[in-house]
Amino acid sequence: MPKIPRILLRIVANKYLLAFVIFFVWMTFLDDHNFISLFQDQQKLHKLKADKAYYEHKIESDRRKLKELQTDSQNLEKFAREQYLMKKKNEDIFIIEEK
């Protein structure tokens, strides 16, 4: 029976193992830049990059639409009628809503 506590004592008394365990606990849970917050920051970074790509695509799409509206008066009239329900003086507009 005394062999097991002696082996356990030798393992715990090993200064390299003890230093590694302390370092691991410190880096995993206690440090400001621990592994858990590092993982969370990487997840946030991935989401922000995806958002950036989406908004860059949206900006490019809006620029094309703006250029199209500035160059063609028929497209401008169509846009005004569809988006802002504008009409000419002597016409009626009927709005059909789909359910």
PDB file of N, CA and C in Angstrom:
ATOM      1  N   MET A   1       0.796  -1.199   0.000  1.00  0.00           N
ATOM      2  CA  MET A   1       0.000   0.000   0.000  1.00  0.00           C
ATOM      3  C   MET A   1       0.846   1.273   0.000  1.00  0.00           C
ATOM      4  N   PRO A   2       1.965   1.305   0.668  1.00  0.00           N
ATOM      5  CA  PRO A   2       2.736   2.546   0.673  1.00  0.00           C
ATOM      6  C   PRO A   2       3.367   2.871  -0.678  1.00  0.00           C
ATOM      7  N   LYS A   3       3.373   1.920  -1.638  1.00  0.00           N
ATOM      8  CA  LYS A   3       3.976   2.207  -2.937  1.00  0.00           C
ATOM      9  C   LYS A   3       3.157   3.220  -3.733  1.00  0.00           C
ATOM     10  N   ILE A   4       1.858   3.128  -3.684  1.00  0.00           N
ATOM     11  CA  ILE A   4       1.005   4.020  -4.472  1.00  0.00           C
ATOM     12  C   ILE A   4       1.170   5.474  -4.028  1.00  0.00           C
ATOM     13  N   PRO A   5       1.110   5.800  -2.762  1.00  0.00           N
ATOM     14  CA  PRO A   5       1.326   7.194  -2.375  1.00  0.00           C
ATOM     15  C   PRO A   5       2.736   7.680  -2.715  1.00  0.00           C
ATOM     16  N   ARG A   6       3.723   6.797  -2.659  1.00  0.00           N
ATOM     17  CA  ARG A   6       5.090   7.201  -2.978  1.00  0.00           C
ATOM     18  C   ARG A   6       5.202   7.554  -4.468  1.00  0.00           C
ATOM     19  N   ILE A   7       4.579   6.747  -5.335  1.00  0.00           N
ATOM     20  CA  ILE A   7       4.603   7.031  -6.777  1.00  0.00           C
ATOM     21  C   ILE A   7       3.834   8.322  -7.060  1.00  0.00           C
ATOM     22  N   LEU A   8       2.712   8.476  -6.399  1.00  0.00           N
ATOM     23  CA  LEU A   8       1.924   9.688  -6.564  1.00  0.00           C
ATOM     24  C   LEU A   8       2.707  10.907  -6.090  1.00  0.00           C
ATOM     25  N   LEU A   9       3.425  10.770  -5.006  1.00  0.00           N
ATOM     26  CA  LEU A   9       4.242  11.859  -4.488  1.00  0.00           C
ATOM     27  C   LEU A   9       5.360  12.214  -5.459  1.00  0.00           C
ATOM     28  N   ARG A  10       5.968  11.210  -6.099  1.00  0.00           N
ATOM     29  CA  ARG A  10       7.040  11.476  -7.065  1.00  0.00           C
ATOM     30  C   ARG A  10       6.495  12.224  -8.282  1.00  0.00           C
ATOM     31  N   ILE A  11       5.298  11.839  -8.721  1.00  0.00           N
ATOM     32  CA  ILE A  11       4.712  12.511  -9.887  1.00  0.00           C
ATOM     33  C   ILE A  11       4.370  13.957  -9.554  1.00  0.00           C
ATOM     34  N   VAL A  12       3.759  14.174  -8.397  1.00  0.00           N
ATOM     35  CA  VAL A  12       3.369  15.523  -7.999  1.00  0.00           C
ATOM     36  C   VAL A  12       4.594  16.376  -7.692  1.00  0.00           C
ATOM     37  N   ALA A  13       5.634  15.776  -7.179  1.00  0.00           N
ATOM     38  CA  ALA A  13       6.835  16.517  -6.811  1.00  0.00           C
ATOM     39  C   ALA A  13       7.702  16.854  -8.019  1.00  0.00           C
ATOM     40  N   ASN A  14       7.421  16.280  -9.178  1.00  0.00           N
ATOM     41  CA  ASN A  14       8.194  16.572 -10.378  1.00  0.00           C
ATOM     42  C   ASN A  14       7.987  18.042 -10.746  1.00  0.00           C
ATOM     43  N   LYS A  15       9.047  18.837 -10.720  1.00  0.00           N
ATOM     44  CA  LYS A  15       8.919  20.280 -10.909  1.00  0.00           C
ATOM     45  C   LYS A  15       8.501  20.648 -12.333  1.00  0.00           C
ATOM     46  N   TYR A  16       8.887  19.843 -13.309  1.00  0.00           N
ATOM     47  CA  TYR A  16       8.507  20.140 -14.691  1.00  0.00           C
ATOM     48  C   TYR A  16       7.018  19.881 -14.914  1.00  0.00           C
ATOM     49  N   LEU A  17       6.543  18.786 -14.361  1.00  0.00           N
ATOM     50  CA  LEU A  17       5.122  18.478 -14.471  1.00  0.00           C
ATOM     51  C   LEU A  17       4.295  19.527 -13.730  1.00  0.00           C
ATOM     52  N   LEU A  18       4.747  19.900 -12.563  1.00  0.00           N
ATOM     53  CA  LEU A  18       4.045  20.911 -11.780  1.00  0.00           C
ATOM     54  C   LEU A  18       4.024  22.249 -12.519  1.00  0.00           C
ATOM     55  N   ALA A  19       5.147  22.623 -13.111  1.00  0.00           N
ATOM     56  CA  ALA A  19       5.204  23.874 -13.873  1.00  0.00           C
ATOM     57  C   ALA A  19       4.272  23.817 -15.082  1.00  0.00           C
ATOM     58  N   PHE A  20       4.237  22.676 -15.755  1.00  0.00           N
ATOM     59  CA  PHE A  20       3.349  22.527 -16.912  1.00  0.00           C
ATOM     60  C   PHE A  20       1.885  22.625 -16.503  1.00  0.00           C
ATOM     61  N   VAL A  21       1.511  21.976 -15.418  1.00  0.00           N
ATOM     62  CA  VAL A  21       0.118  22.017 -14.958  1.00  0.00           C
ATOM     63  C   VAL A  21      -0.279  23.439 -14.582  1.00  0.00           C
ATOM     64  N   ILE A  22       0.590  24.134 -13.871  1.00  0.00           N
ATOM     65  CA  ILE A  22       0.293  25.523 -13.489  1.00  0.00           C
ATOM     66  C   ILE A  22       0.161  26.396 -14.734  1.00  0.00           C
ATOM     67  N   PHE A  23       1.082  26.230 -15.689  1.00  0.00           N
ATOM     68  CA  PHE A  23       1.030  26.998 -16.932  1.00  0.00           C
ATOM     69  C   PHE A  23      -0.255  26.703 -17.703  1.00  0.00           C
ATOM     70  N   PHE A  24      -0.620  25.434 -17.787  1.00  0.00           N
ATOM     71  CA  PHE A  24      -1.824  25.043 -18.523  1.00  0.00           C
ATOM     72  C   PHE A  24      -3.078  25.640 -17.890  1.00  0.00           C
ATOM     73  N   VAL A  25      -3.182  25.552 -16.573  1.00  0.00           N
ATOM     74  CA  VAL A  25      -4.346  26.116 -15.877  1.00  0.00           C
ATOM     75  C   VAL A  25      -4.382  27.627 -16.058  1.00  0.00           C
ATOM     76  N   TRP A  26      -3.235  28.265 -15.941  1.00  0.00           N
ATOM     77  CA  TRP A  26      -3.162  29.717 -16.098  1.00  0.00           C
ATOM     78  C   TRP A  26      -3.596  30.138 -17.508  1.00  0.00           C
ATOM     79  N   MET A  27      -3.062  29.495 -18.528  1.00  0.00           N
ATOM     80  CA  MET A  27      -3.361  29.873 -19.909  1.00  0.00           C
ATOM     81  C   MET A  27      -4.778  29.483 -20.327  1.00  0.00           C
ATOM     82  N   THR A  28      -5.335  28.478 -19.702  1.00  0.00           N
ATOM     83  CA  THR A  28      -6.673  28.048 -20.085  1.00  0.00           C
ATOM     84  C   THR A  28      -7.764  28.871 -19.414  1.00  0.00           C
ATOM     85  N   PHE A  29      -7.581  29.243 -18.174  1.00  0.00           N
ATOM     86  CA  PHE A  29      -8.680  29.859 -17.436  1.00  0.00           C
ATOM     87  C   PHE A  29      -8.393  31.252 -16.874  1.00  0.00           C
ATOM     88  N   LEU A  30      -7.179  31.554 -16.473  1.00  0.00           N
ATOM     89  CA  LEU A  30      -6.938  32.743 -15.669  1.00  0.00           C
ATOM     90  C   LEU A  30      -6.415  33.952 -16.435  1.00  0.00           C
ATOM     91  N   ASP A  31      -5.744  33.767 -17.526  1.00  0.00           N
ATOM     92  CA  ASP A  31      -5.112  34.864 -18.254  1.00  0.00           C
ATOM     93  C   ASP A  31      -6.157  35.667 -19.036  1.00  0.00           C
ATOM     94  N   ASP A  32      -5.859  36.945 -19.290  1.00  0.00           N
ATOM     95  CA  ASP A  32      -6.768  37.767 -20.088  1.00  0.00           C
ATOM     96  C   ASP A  32      -6.871  37.264 -21.524  1.00  0.00           C
ATOM     97  N   HIS A  33      -5.806  36.707 -22.031  1.00  0.00           N
ATOM     98  CA  HIS A  33      -5.776  36.180 -23.398  1.00  0.00           C
ATOM     99  C   HIS A  33      -5.722  34.658 -23.361  1.00  0.00           C
ATOM    100  N   ASN A  34      -6.630  34.064 -22.622  1.00  0.00           N
ATOM    101  CA  ASN A  34      -6.618  32.611 -22.464  1.00  0.00           C
ATOM    102  C   ASN A  34      -7.158  31.916 -23.709  1.00  0.00           C
ATOM    103  N   PHE A  35      -7.078  30.611 -23.731  1.00  0.00           N
ATOM    104  CA  PHE A  35      -7.471  29.840 -24.906  1.00  0.00           C
ATOM    105  C   PHE A  35      -8.965  29.965 -25.197  1.00  0.00           C
ATOM    106  N   ILE A  36      -9.749  30.084 -24.163  1.00  0.00           N
ATOM    107  CA  ILE A  36     -11.196  30.190 -24.350  1.00  0.00           C
ATOM    108  C   ILE A  36     -11.550  31.515 -25.025  1.00  0.00           C
ATOM    109  N   SER A  37     -10.992  32.620 -24.525  1.00  0.00           N
ATOM    110  CA  SER A  37     -11.284  33.910 -25.155  1.00  0.00           C
ATOM    111  C   SER A  37     -10.666  33.994 -26.545  1.00  0.00           C
ATOM    112  N   LEU A  38      -9.542  33.331 -26.759  1.00  0.00           N
ATOM    113  CA  LEU A  38      -8.933  33.285 -28.087  1.00  0.00           C
ATOM    114  C   LEU A  38      -9.868  32.593 -29.079  1.00  0.00           C
ATOM    115  N   PHE A  39     -10.467  31.490 -28.670  1.00  0.00           N
ATOM    116  CA  PHE A  39     -11.419  30.782 -29.524  1.00  0.00           C
ATOM    117  C   PHE A  39     -12.641  31.654 -29.816  1.00  0.00           C
ATOM    118  N   GLN A  40     -13.157  32.334 -28.796  1.00  0.00           N
ATOM    119  CA  GLN A  40     -14.316  33.201 -28.990  1.00  0.00           C
ATOM    120  C   GLN A  40     -13.984  34.365 -29.920  1.00  0.00           C
ATOM    121  N   ASP A  41     -12.784  34.923 -29.773  1.00  0.00           N
ATOM    122  CA  ASP A  41     -12.362  36.017 -30.649  1.00  0.00           C
ATOM    123  C   ASP A  41     -12.232  35.554 -32.095  1.00  0.00           C
ATOM    124  N   GLN A  42     -11.760  34.337 -32.300  1.00  0.00           N
ATOM    125  CA  GLN A  42     -11.662  33.812 -33.661  1.00  0.00           C
ATOM    126  C   GLN A  42     -13.047  33.621 -34.263  1.00  0.00           C
ATOM    127  N   GLN A  43     -14.008  33.193 -33.459  1.00  0.00           N
ATOM    128  CA  GLN A  43     -15.378  33.047 -33.947  1.00  0.00           C
ATOM    129  C   GLN A  43     -15.960  34.411 -34.338  1.00  0.00           C
ATOM    130  N   LYS A  44     -15.715  35.429 -33.512  1.00  0.00           N
ATOM    131  CA  LYS A  44     -16.191  36.776 -33.822  1.00  0.00           C
ATOM    132  C   LYS A  44     -15.540  37.298 -35.100  1.00  0.00           C
ATOM    133  N   LEU A  45     -14.237  37.050 -35.245  1.00  0.00           N
ATOM    134  CA  LEU A  45     -13.516  37.495 -36.430  1.00  0.00           C
ATOM    135  C   LEU A  45     -14.087  36.848 -37.686  1.00  0.00           C
ATOM    136  N   HIS A  46     -14.389  35.566 -37.606  1.00  0.00           N
ATOM    137  CA  HIS A  46     -14.971  34.863 -38.753  1.00  0.00           C
ATOM    138  C   HIS A  46     -16.325  35.467 -39.120  1.00  0.00           C
ATOM    139  N   LYS A  47     -17.148  35.764 -38.116  1.00  0.00           N
ATOM    140  CA  LYS A  47     -18.460  36.360 -38.375  1.00  0.00           C
ATOM    141  C   LYS A  47     -18.308  37.757 -38.970  1.00  0.00           C
ATOM    142  N   LEU A  48     -17.361  38.542 -38.454  1.00  0.00           N
ATOM    143  CA  LEU A  48     -17.158  39.891 -38.974  1.00  0.00           C
ATOM    144  C   LEU A  48     -16.654  39.872 -40.417  1.00  0.00           C
ATOM    145  N   LYS A  49     -15.810  38.906 -40.751  1.00  0.00           N
ATOM    146  CA  LYS A  49     -15.339  38.790 -42.137  1.00  0.00           C
ATOM    147  C   LYS A  49     -16.488  38.425 -43.066  1.00  0.00           C
ATOM    148  N   ALA A  50     -17.370  37.556 -42.606  1.00  0.00           N
ATOM    149  CA  ALA A  50     -18.544  37.203 -43.412  1.00  0.00           C
ATOM    150  C   ALA A  50     -19.449  38.421 -43.593  1.00  0.00           C
ATOM    151  N   ASP A  51     -19.644  39.195 -42.532  1.00  0.00           N
ATOM    152  CA  ASP A  51     -20.446  40.416 -42.631  1.00  0.00           C
ATOM    153  C   ASP A  51     -19.807  41.412 -43.593  1.00  0.00           C
ATOM    154  N   LYS A  52     -18.490  41.536 -43.530  1.00  0.00           N
ATOM    155  CA  LYS A  52     -17.768  42.456 -44.415  1.00  0.00           C
ATOM    156  C   LYS A  52     -17.973  42.061 -45.872  1.00  0.00           C
ATOM    157  N   ALA A  53     -17.860  40.778 -46.171  1.00  0.00           N
ATOM    158  CA  ALA A  53     -18.059  40.306 -47.546  1.00  0.00           C
ATOM    159  C   ALA A  53     -19.494  40.587 -48.002  1.00  0.00           C
ATOM    160  N   TYR A  54     -20.466  40.366 -47.122  1.00  0.00           N
ATOM    161  CA  TYR A  54     -21.865  40.628 -47.469  1.00  0.00           C
ATOM    162  C   TYR A  54     -22.071  42.111 -47.787  1.00  0.00           C
ATOM    163  N   TYR A  55     -21.552  42.995 -46.932  1.00  0.00           N
ATOM    164  CA  TYR A  55     -21.762  44.423 -47.141  1.00  0.00           C
ATOM    165  C   TYR A  55     -20.990  44.944 -48.349  1.00  0.00           C
ATOM    166  N   GLU A  56     -19.819  44.384 -48.635  1.00  0.00           N
ATOM    167  CA  GLU A  56     -19.100  44.782 -49.845  1.00  0.00           C
ATOM    168  C   GLU A  56     -19.903  44.406 -51.083  1.00  0.00           C
ATOM    169  N   HIS A  57     -20.501  43.219 -51.064  1.00  0.00           N
ATOM    170  CA  HIS A  57     -21.346  42.798 -52.185  1.00  0.00           C
ATOM    171  C   HIS A  57     -22.569  43.710 -52.304  1.00  0.00           C
ATOM    172  N   LYS A  58     -23.167  44.048 -51.175  1.00  0.00           N
ATOM    173  CA  LYS A  58     -24.344  44.912 -51.168  1.00  0.00           C
ATOM    174  C   LYS A  58     -23.995  46.311 -51.682  1.00  0.00           C
ATOM    175  N   ILE A  59     -22.845  46.846 -51.291  1.00  0.00           N
ATOM    176  CA  ILE A  59     -22.414  48.165 -51.753  1.00  0.00           C
ATOM    177  C   ILE A  59     -22.208  48.153 -53.260  1.00  0.00           C
ATOM    178  N   GLU A  60     -21.557  47.119 -53.764  1.00  0.00           N
ATOM    179  CA  GLU A  60     -21.336  47.014 -55.211  1.00  0.00           C
ATOM    180  C   GLU A  60     -22.664  46.934 -55.959  1.00  0.00           C
ATOM    181  N   SER A  61     -23.602  46.176 -55.431  1.00  0.00           N
ATOM    182  CA  SER A  61     -24.925  46.073 -56.047  1.00  0.00           C
ATOM    183  C   SER A  61     -25.632  47.428 -56.049  1.00  0.00           C
ATOM    184  N   ASP A  62     -25.562  48.149 -54.945  1.00  0.00           N
ATOM    185  CA  ASP A  62     -26.202  49.463 -54.859  1.00  0.00           C
ATOM    186  C   ASP A  62     -25.534  50.475 -55.784  1.00  0.00           C
ATOM    187  N   ARG A  63     -24.223  50.387 -55.933  1.00  0.00           N
ATOM    188  CA  ARG A  63     -23.524  51.291 -56.859  1.00  0.00           C
ATOM    189  C   ARG A  63     -23.979  51.053 -58.300  1.00  0.00           C
ATOM    190  N   ARG A  64     -24.112  49.774 -58.670  1.00  0.00           N
ATOM    191  CA  ARG A  64     -24.583  49.469 -60.023  1.00  0.00           C
ATOM    192  C   ARG A  64     -25.997  50.004 -60.233  1.00  0.00           C
ATOM    193  N   LYS A  65     -26.849  49.826 -59.231  1.00  0.00           N
ATOM    194  CA  LYS A  65     -28.227  50.297 -59.343  1.00  0.00           C
ATOM    195  C   LYS A  65     -28.274  51.823 -59.416  1.00  0.00           C
ATOM    196  N   LEU A  66     -27.450  52.503 -58.625  1.00  0.00           N
ATOM    197  CA  LEU A  66     -27.399  53.959 -58.648  1.00  0.00           C
ATOM    198  C   LEU A  66     -26.929  54.462 -60.007  1.00  0.00           C
ATOM    199  N   LYS A  67     -25.902  53.837 -60.551  1.00  0.00           N
ATOM    200  CA  LYS A  67     -25.402  54.239 -61.865  1.00  0.00           C
ATOM    201  C   LYS A  67     -26.472  54.026 -62.932  1.00  0.00           C
ATOM    202  N   GLU A  68     -27.195  52.915 -62.823  1.00  0.00           N
ATOM    203  CA  GLU A  68     -28.273  52.627 -63.761  1.00  0.00           C
ATOM    204  C   GLU A  68     -29.379  53.672 -63.652  1.00  0.00           C
ATOM    205  N   LEU A  69     -29.712  54.095 -62.442  1.00  0.00           N
ATOM    206  CA  LEU A  69     -30.760  55.096 -62.250  1.00  0.00           C
ATOM    207  C   LEU A  69     -30.316  56.473 -62.729  1.00  0.00           C
ATOM    208  N   GLN A  70     -29.037  56.788 -62.595  1.00  0.00           N
ATOM    209  CA  GLN A  70     -28.542  58.092 -63.018  1.00  0.00           C
ATOM    210  C   GLN A  70     -28.419  58.205 -64.532  1.00  0.00           C
ATOM    211  N   THR A  71     -28.279  57.097 -65.229  1.00  0.00           N
ATOM    212  CA  THR A  71     -28.056  57.156 -66.670  1.00  0.00           C
ATOM    213  C   THR A  71     -29.322  56.965 -67.490  1.00  0.00           C
ATOM    214  N   ASP A  72     -30.324  56.310 -66.968  1.00  0.00           N
ATOM    215  CA  ASP A  72     -31.516  55.997 -67.761  1.00  0.00           C
ATOM    216  C   ASP A  72     -32.762  56.551 -67.068  1.00  0.00           C
ATOM    217  N   SER A  73     -33.468  57.466 -67.752  1.00  0.00           N
ATOM    218  CA  SER A  73     -34.640  58.097 -67.134  1.00  0.00           C
ATOM    219  C   SER A  73     -35.816  57.122 -67.019  1.00  0.00           C
ATOM    220  N   GLN A  74     -35.906  56.149 -67.910  1.00  0.00           N
ATOM    221  CA  GLN A  74     -36.995  55.174 -67.812  1.00  0.00           C
ATOM    222  C   GLN A  74     -36.827  54.294 -66.572  1.00  0.00           C
ATOM    223  N   ASN A  75     -35.606  53.916 -66.280  1.00  0.00           N
ATOM    224  CA  ASN A  75     -35.364  53.135 -65.065  1.00  0.00           C
ATOM    225  C   ASN A  75     -35.654  53.959 -63.818  1.00  0.00           C
ATOM    226  N   LEU A  76     -35.329  55.252 -63.880  1.00  0.00           N
ATOM    227  CA  LEU A  76     -35.606  56.133 -62.746  1.00  0.00           C
ATOM    228  C   LEU A  76     -37.114  56.241 -62.508  1.00  0.00           C
ATOM    229  N   GLU A  77     -37.874  56.396 -63.590  1.00  0.00           N
ATOM    230  CA  GLU A  77     -39.328  56.473 -63.456  1.00  0.00           C
ATOM    231  C   GLU A  77     -39.900  55.163 -62.912  1.00  0.00           C
ATOM    232  N   LYS A  78     -39.414  54.047 -63.408  1.00  0.00           N
ATOM    233  CA  LYS A  78     -39.874  52.737 -62.936  1.00  0.00           C
ATOM    234  C   LYS A  78     -39.567  52.561 -61.446  1.00  0.00           C
ATOM    235  N   PHE A  79     -38.368  52.957 -61.037  1.00  0.00           N
ATOM    236  CA  PHE A  79     -37.973  52.854 -59.630  1.00  0.00           C
ATOM    237  C   PHE A  79     -38.876  53.727 -58.756  1.00  0.00           C
ATOM    238  N   ALA A  80     -39.130  54.966 -59.190  1.00  0.00           N
ATOM    239  CA  ALA A  80     -39.973  55.880 -58.412  1.00  0.00           C
ATOM    240  C   ALA A  80     -41.393  55.337 -58.283  1.00  0.00           C
ATOM    241  N   ARG A  81     -41.907  54.759 -59.343  1.00  0.00           N
ATOM    242  CA  ARG A  81     -43.265  54.208 -59.301  1.00  0.00           C
ATOM    243  C   ARG A  81     -43.343  52.987 -58.380  1.00  0.00           C
ATOM    244  N   GLU A  82     -42.348  52.102 -58.454  1.00  0.00           N
ATOM    245  CA  GLU A  82     -42.395  50.869 -57.668  1.00  0.00           C
ATOM    246  C   GLU A  82     -42.071  51.095 -56.194  1.00  0.00           C
ATOM    247  N   GLN A  83     -41.069  51.893 -55.912  1.00  0.00           N
ATOM    248  CA  GLN A  83     -40.612  52.047 -54.531  1.00  0.00           C
ATOM    249  C   GLN A  83     -41.393  53.108 -53.753  1.00  0.00           C
ATOM    250  N   TYR A  84     -41.719  54.210 -54.409  1.00  0.00           N
ATOM    251  CA  TYR A  84     -42.333  55.331 -53.701  1.00  0.00           C
ATOM    252  C   TYR A  84     -43.777  55.594 -54.128  1.00  0.00           C
ATOM    253  N   LEU A  85     -44.334  54.705 -54.954  1.00  0.00           N
ATOM    254  CA  LEU A  85     -45.727  54.787 -55.395  1.00  0.00           C
ATOM    255  C   LEU A  85     -46.066  56.143 -56.017  1.00  0.00           C
ATOM    256  N   MET A  86     -45.141  56.709 -56.774  1.00  0.00           N
ATOM    257  CA  MET A  86     -45.384  57.972 -57.466  1.00  0.00           C
ATOM    258  C   MET A  86     -46.219  57.699 -58.712  1.00  0.00           C
ATOM    259  N   LYS A  87     -46.958  58.721 -59.128  1.00  0.00           N
ATOM    260  CA  LYS A  87     -47.829  58.563 -60.288  1.00  0.00           C
ATOM    261  C   LYS A  87     -47.903  59.869 -61.058  1.00  0.00           C
ATOM    262  N   LYS A  88     -48.418  59.753 -62.266  1.00  0.00           N
ATOM    263  CA  LYS A  88     -48.668  60.950 -63.067  1.00  0.00           C
ATOM    264  C   LYS A  88     -49.989  61.569 -62.617  1.00  0.00           C
ATOM    265  N   LYS A  89     -50.259  62.791 -63.079  1.00  0.00           N
ATOM    266  CA  LYS A  89     -51.429  63.526 -62.595  1.00  0.00           C
ATOM    267  C   LYS A  89     -52.753  62.828 -62.884  1.00  0.00           C
ATOM    268  N   ASN A  90     -52.884  62.254 -64.043  1.00  0.00           N
ATOM    269  CA  ASN A  90     -54.197  61.735 -64.429  1.00  0.00           C
ATOM    270  C   ASN A  90     -54.259  60.208 -64.417  1.00  0.00           C
ATOM    271  N   GLU A  91     -53.579  59.561 -63.507  1.00  0.00           N
ATOM    272  CA  GLU A  91     -53.662  58.103 -63.445  1.00  0.00           C
ATOM    273  C   GLU A  91     -53.910  57.639 -62.009  1.00  0.00           C
ATOM    274  N   ASP A  92     -54.487  56.469 -61.901  1.00  0.00           N
ATOM    275  CA  ASP A  92     -54.774  55.869 -60.597  1.00  0.00           C
ATOM    276  C   ASP A  92     -53.842  54.685 -60.379  1.00  0.00           C
ATOM    277  N   ILE A  93     -53.514  54.445 -59.125  1.00  0.00           N
ATOM    278  CA  ILE A  93     -52.636  53.324 -58.776  1.00  0.00           C
ATOM    279  C   ILE A  93     -53.430  52.354 -57.908  1.00  0.00           C
ATOM    280  N   PHE A  94     -53.346  51.092 -58.268  1.00  0.00           N
ATOM    281  CA  PHE A  94     -53.975  50.037 -57.480  1.00  0.00           C
ATOM    282  C   PHE A  94     -52.869  49.157 -56.908  1.00  0.00           C
ATOM    283  N   ILE A  95     -52.844  49.027 -55.601  1.00  0.00           N
ATOM    284  CA  ILE A  95     -51.826  48.219 -54.935  1.00  0.00           C
ATOM    285  C   ILE A  95     -52.414  46.846 -54.650  1.00  0.00           C
ATOM    286  N   ILE A  96     -51.753  45.830 -55.174  1.00  0.00           N
ATOM    287  CA  ILE A  96     -52.202  44.453 -54.978  1.00  0.00           C
ATOM    288  C   ILE A  96     -51.229  43.778 -54.019  1.00  0.00           C
ATOM    289  N   GLU A  97     -51.728  43.387 -52.862  1.00  0.00           N
ATOM    290  CA  GLU A  97     -50.885  42.716 -51.876  1.00  0.00           C
ATOM    291  C   GLU A  97     -51.133  41.225 -51.935  1.00  0.00           C
ATOM    292  N   GLU A  98     -50.060  40.469 -51.988  1.00  0.00           N
ATOM    293  CA  GLU A  98     -50.176  39.019 -52.011  1.00  0.00           C
ATOM    294  C   GLU A  98     -50.165  38.495 -50.585  1.00  0.00           C
ATOM    295  N   LYS A  99     -51.004  37.490 -50.342  1.00  0.00           N
ATOM    296  CA  LYS A  99     -51.065  36.922 -48.995  1.00  0.00           C
ATOM    297  C   LYS A  99     -50.225  35.688 -48.905  1.00  0.00           C
TER     298      LYS A  99
END
